[in-house]
Amino acid sequence: MISTKGRYALRVMLDLAMQDPERYIPLKEIASRQELSEKYLEIILKTLVKQKLLRGMRGKGGGYQLTRAPKDYTVGEILMLTEGNLSSVACLAPDAESCDRASCCLTLPMWQKFDSMVHDFFFGITLADLLENRSGQTTENQSQEL
């Protein structure tokens, strides 16, 4: 399951993708549009800056902006950085120890196939793809509904 942190990170990235790419967008502005707590949002933004998905600037005129074009971010990349992994079962997590039952586990191939499908799905969608799928709502409404 994708956590709140992962979902909110995706919302923030989409919000910033809809803004002027040359402008730093203040935390308060993002929080207001997305109806998120500034305190919680700041934690997410720090993670995204640390992972170089965003650029942050302090002070007057400061805020956050994307480091790349929306077409260069995948949903999978954003979720992996905020979730740690997207594995459906613990034994398939990147840091999992080898399972003694792997050789006789009848469900392992199913989980591997499922994880592969999830990986391909999320890494096959960019922020630009999500923005292109918007229906004819106003930008303000779209930002709030992400």
C-alpha atoms as a PDB file:
ATOM      1  CA  MET A   1       0.000   0.000   0.000  1.00  0.00           C
ATOM      2  CA  ILE A   2       1.239   3.492  -0.833  1.00  0.00           C
ATOM      3  CA  SER A   3       1.535   5.622   2.303  1.00  0.00           C
ATOM      4  CA  THR A   4       0.236   9.131   2.857  1.00  0.00           C
ATOM      5  CA  LYS A   5       3.804  10.394   2.478  1.00  0.00           C
ATOM      6  CA  GLY A   6       4.077   8.856  -0.995  1.00  0.00           C
ATOM      7  CA  ARG A   7       0.683  10.149  -2.123  1.00  0.00           C
ATOM      8  CA  TYR A   8       1.384  13.642  -0.795  1.00  0.00           C
ATOM      9  CA  ALA A   9       4.828  13.692  -2.438  1.00  0.00           C
ATOM     10  CA  LEU A  10       3.188  12.905  -5.756  1.00  0.00           C
ATOM     11  CA  ARG A  11       0.602  15.662  -5.215  1.00  0.00           C
ATOM     12  CA  VAL A  12       3.360  18.172  -4.401  1.00  0.00           C
ATOM     13  CA  MET A  13       5.402  17.215  -7.451  1.00  0.00           C
ATOM     14  CA  LEU A  14       2.344  17.612  -9.683  1.00  0.00           C
ATOM     15  CA  ASP A  15       1.482  20.920  -8.045  1.00  0.00           C
ATOM     16  CA  LEU A  16       4.986  22.246  -8.731  1.00  0.00           C
ATOM     17  CA  ALA A  17       4.881  20.879 -12.285  1.00  0.00           C
ATOM     18  CA  MET A  18       1.876  23.138 -12.945  1.00  0.00           C
ATOM     19  CA  GLN A  19       3.691  26.282 -11.791  1.00  0.00           C
ATOM     20  CA  ASP A  20       6.128  28.615 -13.541  1.00  0.00           C
ATOM     21  CA  PRO A  21       9.336  26.532 -13.699  1.00  0.00           C
ATOM     22  CA  GLU A  22      11.500  29.636 -13.118  1.00  0.00           C
ATOM     23  CA  ARG A  23       9.717  30.635  -9.899  1.00  0.00           C
ATOM     24  CA  TYR A  24      10.368  29.223  -6.441  1.00  0.00           C
ATOM     25  CA  ILE A  25       7.005  28.288  -4.928  1.00  0.00           C
ATOM     26  CA  PRO A  26       6.656  28.982  -1.182  1.00  0.00           C
ATOM     27  CA  LEU A  27       5.780  26.117   1.167  1.00  0.00           C
ATOM     28  CA  LYS A  28       2.757  28.046   2.423  1.00  0.00           C
ATOM     29  CA  GLU A  29       1.372  28.384  -1.114  1.00  0.00           C
ATOM     30  CA  ILE A  30       1.743  24.661  -1.850  1.00  0.00           C
ATOM     31  CA  ALA A  31       0.236  23.704   1.515  1.00  0.00           C
ATOM     32  CA  SER A  32      -2.727  26.000   0.943  1.00  0.00           C
ATOM     33  CA  ARG A  33      -3.452  24.695  -2.556  1.00  0.00           C
ATOM     34  CA  GLN A  34      -3.093  21.071  -1.508  1.00  0.00           C
ATOM     35  CA  GLU A  35      -4.834  21.560   1.858  1.00  0.00           C
ATOM     36  CA  LEU A  36      -1.919  19.938   3.691  1.00  0.00           C
ATOM     37  CA  SER A  37      -0.279  20.710   7.007  1.00  0.00           C
ATOM     38  CA  GLU A  38       2.768  22.938   6.480  1.00  0.00           C
ATOM     39  CA  LYS A  39       4.678  20.970   9.095  1.00  0.00           C
ATOM     40  CA  TYR A  40       4.074  17.587   7.427  1.00  0.00           C
ATOM     41  CA  LEU A  41       4.621  19.045   3.968  1.00  0.00           C
ATOM     42  CA  GLU A  42       7.982  20.449   5.056  1.00  0.00           C
ATOM     43  CA  ILE A  43       9.153  16.932   5.988  1.00  0.00           C
ATOM     44  CA  ILE A  44       8.167  15.645   2.548  1.00  0.00           C
ATOM     45  CA  LEU A  45       9.773  18.591   0.762  1.00  0.00           C
ATOM     46  CA  LYS A  46      13.043  18.104   2.663  1.00  0.00           C
ATOM     47  CA  THR A  47      13.096  14.472   1.514  1.00  0.00           C
ATOM     48  CA  LEU A  48      12.495  15.498  -2.097  1.00  0.00           C
ATOM     49  CA  VAL A  49      15.227  18.173  -1.922  1.00  0.00           C
ATOM     50  CA  LYS A  50      17.684  15.745  -0.316  1.00  0.00           C
ATOM     51  CA  GLN A  51      16.997  13.255  -3.125  1.00  0.00           C
ATOM     52  CA  LYS A  52      17.486  16.085  -5.685  1.00  0.00           C
ATOM     53  CA  LEU A  53      13.974  15.892  -7.103  1.00  0.00           C
ATOM     54  CA  LEU A  54      13.414  19.473  -5.961  1.00  0.00           C
ATOM     55  CA  ARG A  55      15.536  22.545  -5.446  1.00  0.00           C
ATOM     56  CA  GLY A  56      14.869  24.593  -2.316  1.00  0.00           C
ATOM     57  CA  MET A  57      15.779  28.192  -1.577  1.00  0.00           C
ATOM     58  CA  ARG A  58      15.410  29.975   1.765  1.00  0.00           C
ATOM     59  CA  GLY A  59      14.483  33.579   2.407  1.00  0.00           C
ATOM     60  CA  LYS A  60      12.540  36.185   0.501  1.00  0.00           C
ATOM     61  CA  GLY A  61      11.544  34.845  -2.901  1.00  0.00           C
ATOM     62  CA  GLY A  62      12.410  31.356  -1.710  1.00  0.00           C
ATOM     63  CA  GLY A  63      10.489  28.156  -1.962  1.00  0.00           C
ATOM     64  CA  TYR A  64      10.691  25.028  -4.074  1.00  0.00           C
ATOM     65  CA  GLN A  65      10.927  24.149  -7.744  1.00  0.00           C
ATOM     66  CA  LEU A  66      11.460  21.045  -9.847  1.00  0.00           C
ATOM     67  CA  THR A  67      15.034  20.234 -10.858  1.00  0.00           C
ATOM     68  CA  ARG A  68      13.910  18.687 -14.156  1.00  0.00           C
ATOM     69  CA  ALA A  69      11.069  18.889 -16.641  1.00  0.00           C
ATOM     70  CA  PRO A  70       7.854  17.023 -15.660  1.00  0.00           C
ATOM     71  CA  LYS A  71       8.482  14.495 -18.463  1.00  0.00           C
ATOM     72  CA  ASP A  72      11.720  13.483 -16.720  1.00  0.00           C
ATOM     73  CA  TYR A  73      10.105  12.324 -13.450  1.00  0.00           C
ATOM     74  CA  THR A  74       8.344   8.986 -13.164  1.00  0.00           C
ATOM     75  CA  VAL A  75       5.719   8.169 -10.576  1.00  0.00           C
ATOM     76  CA  GLY A  76       7.850   5.123  -9.709  1.00  0.00           C
ATOM     77  CA  GLU A  77      10.898   7.258  -8.943  1.00  0.00           C
ATOM     78  CA  ILE A  78       8.910   9.550  -6.640  1.00  0.00           C
ATOM     79  CA  LEU A  79       7.210   6.674  -4.830  1.00  0.00           C
ATOM     80  CA  MET A  80      10.440   4.676  -4.440  1.00  0.00           C
ATOM     81  CA  LEU A  81      12.184   7.666  -2.857  1.00  0.00           C
ATOM     82  CA  THR A  82       9.357   8.293  -0.411  1.00  0.00           C
ATOM     83  CA  GLU A  83       8.253   4.714   0.264  1.00  0.00           C
ATOM     84  CA  GLY A  84      11.624   2.987   0.281  1.00  0.00           C
ATOM     85  CA  ASN A  85      10.294   0.160  -1.877  1.00  0.00           C
ATOM     86  CA  LEU A  86       7.146  -0.918  -3.654  1.00  0.00           C
ATOM     87  CA  SER A  87       7.365  -4.626  -2.895  1.00  0.00           C
ATOM     88  CA  SER A  88       4.071  -6.377  -2.287  1.00  0.00           C
ATOM     89  CA  VAL A  89       5.553  -8.863   0.195  1.00  0.00           C
ATOM     90  CA  ALA A  90       8.447  -8.516   2.633  1.00  0.00           C
ATOM     91  CA  CYS A  91      10.524 -11.276   1.061  1.00  0.00           C
ATOM     92  CA  LEU A  92      10.804  -9.303  -2.198  1.00  0.00           C
ATOM     93  CA  ALA A  93      11.932  -6.030  -0.616  1.00  0.00           C
ATOM     94  CA  PRO A  94      15.385  -4.901  -1.788  1.00  0.00           C
ATOM     95  CA  ASP A  95      16.851  -5.297   1.705  1.00  0.00           C
ATOM     96  CA  ALA A  96      15.139  -8.622   2.494  1.00  0.00           C
ATOM     97  CA  GLU A  97      17.196 -11.558   3.657  1.00  0.00           C
ATOM     98  CA  SER A  98      16.873 -14.678   1.553  1.00  0.00           C
ATOM     99  CA  CYS A  99      13.915 -16.803   2.496  1.00  0.00           C
ATOM    100  CA  ASP A 100      14.436 -20.448   3.401  1.00  0.00           C
ATOM    101  CA  ARG A 101      11.159 -21.289   1.676  1.00  0.00           C
ATOM    102  CA  ALA A 102      11.884 -19.507  -1.634  1.00  0.00           C
ATOM    103  CA  SER A 103      12.718 -22.750  -3.456  1.00  0.00           C
ATOM    104  CA  CYS A 104       9.411 -24.373  -2.479  1.00  0.00           C
ATOM    105  CA  CYS A 105       7.150 -21.305  -2.241  1.00  0.00           C
ATOM    106  CA  LEU A 106       4.274 -21.803  -4.643  1.00  0.00           C
ATOM    107  CA  THR A 107       3.176 -18.162  -4.413  1.00  0.00           C
ATOM    108  CA  LEU A 108       6.593 -16.552  -5.003  1.00  0.00           C
ATOM    109  CA  PRO A 109       6.279 -16.454  -8.826  1.00  0.00           C
ATOM    110  CA  MET A 110       2.890 -14.766  -8.489  1.00  0.00           C
ATOM    111  CA  TRP A 111       4.300 -12.072  -6.171  1.00  0.00           C
ATOM    112  CA  GLN A 112       7.302 -11.569  -8.453  1.00  0.00           C
ATOM    113  CA  LYS A 113       5.031 -11.118 -11.463  1.00  0.00           C
ATOM    114  CA  PHE A 114       2.780  -8.736  -9.534  1.00  0.00           C
ATOM    115  CA  ASP A 115       5.756  -6.649  -8.367  1.00  0.00           C
ATOM    116  CA  SER A 116       7.083  -6.533 -11.924  1.00  0.00           C
ATOM    117  CA  MET A 117       3.714  -5.275 -13.189  1.00  0.00           C
ATOM    118  CA  VAL A 118       3.542  -2.617 -10.450  1.00  0.00           C
ATOM    119  CA  HIS A 119       7.118  -1.529 -11.192  1.00  0.00           C
ATOM    120  CA  ASP A 120       6.482  -1.299 -14.938  1.00  0.00           C
ATOM    121  CA  PHE A 121       3.207   0.551 -14.362  1.00  0.00           C
ATOM    122  CA  PHE A 122       4.585   3.232 -12.016  1.00  0.00           C
ATOM    123  CA  PHE A 123       7.892   3.673 -13.853  1.00  0.00           C
ATOM    124  CA  GLY A 124       5.976   3.982 -17.131  1.00  0.00           C
ATOM    125  CA  ILE A 125       4.045   7.081 -16.031  1.00  0.00           C
ATOM    126  CA  THR A 126       5.622  10.536 -15.875  1.00  0.00           C
ATOM    127  CA  LEU A 127       4.382  13.710 -14.227  1.00  0.00           C
ATOM    128  CA  ALA A 128       3.812  15.052 -17.749  1.00  0.00           C
ATOM    129  CA  ASP A 129       1.609  12.033 -18.528  1.00  0.00           C
ATOM    130  CA  LEU A 130      -0.527  12.732 -15.465  1.00  0.00           C
ATOM    131  CA  LEU A 131      -0.818  16.405 -16.382  1.00  0.00           C
ATOM    132  CA  GLU A 132      -1.868  15.517 -19.939  1.00  0.00           C
ATOM    133  CA  ASN A 133      -4.694  13.342 -18.582  1.00  0.00           C
ATOM    134  CA  ARG A 134      -6.345  16.278 -16.837  1.00  0.00           C
ATOM    135  CA  SER A 135      -9.977  16.805 -17.734  1.00  0.00           C
ATOM    136  CA  GLY A 136     -11.246  20.310 -18.525  1.00  0.00           C
ATOM    137  CA  GLN A 137     -11.144  21.635 -14.955  1.00  0.00           C
ATOM    138  CA  THR A 138      -9.476  24.890 -13.984  1.00  0.00           C
ATOM    139  CA  THR A 139      -5.866  24.771 -12.830  1.00  0.00           C
ATOM    140  CA  GLU A 140      -6.862  25.768  -9.283  1.00  0.00           C
ATOM    141  CA  ASN A 141      -9.361  22.907  -9.057  1.00  0.00           C
ATOM    142  CA  GLN A 142      -6.825  20.467 -10.469  1.00  0.00           C
ATOM    143  CA  SER A 143      -4.201  21.489  -7.911  1.00  0.00           C
ATOM    144  CA  GLN A 144      -6.663  20.932  -5.090  1.00  0.00           C
ATOM    145  CA  GLU A 145      -7.783  17.534  -6.331  1.00  0.00           C
ATOM    146  CA  LEU A 146      -4.349  15.965  -6.825  1.00  0.00           C
END
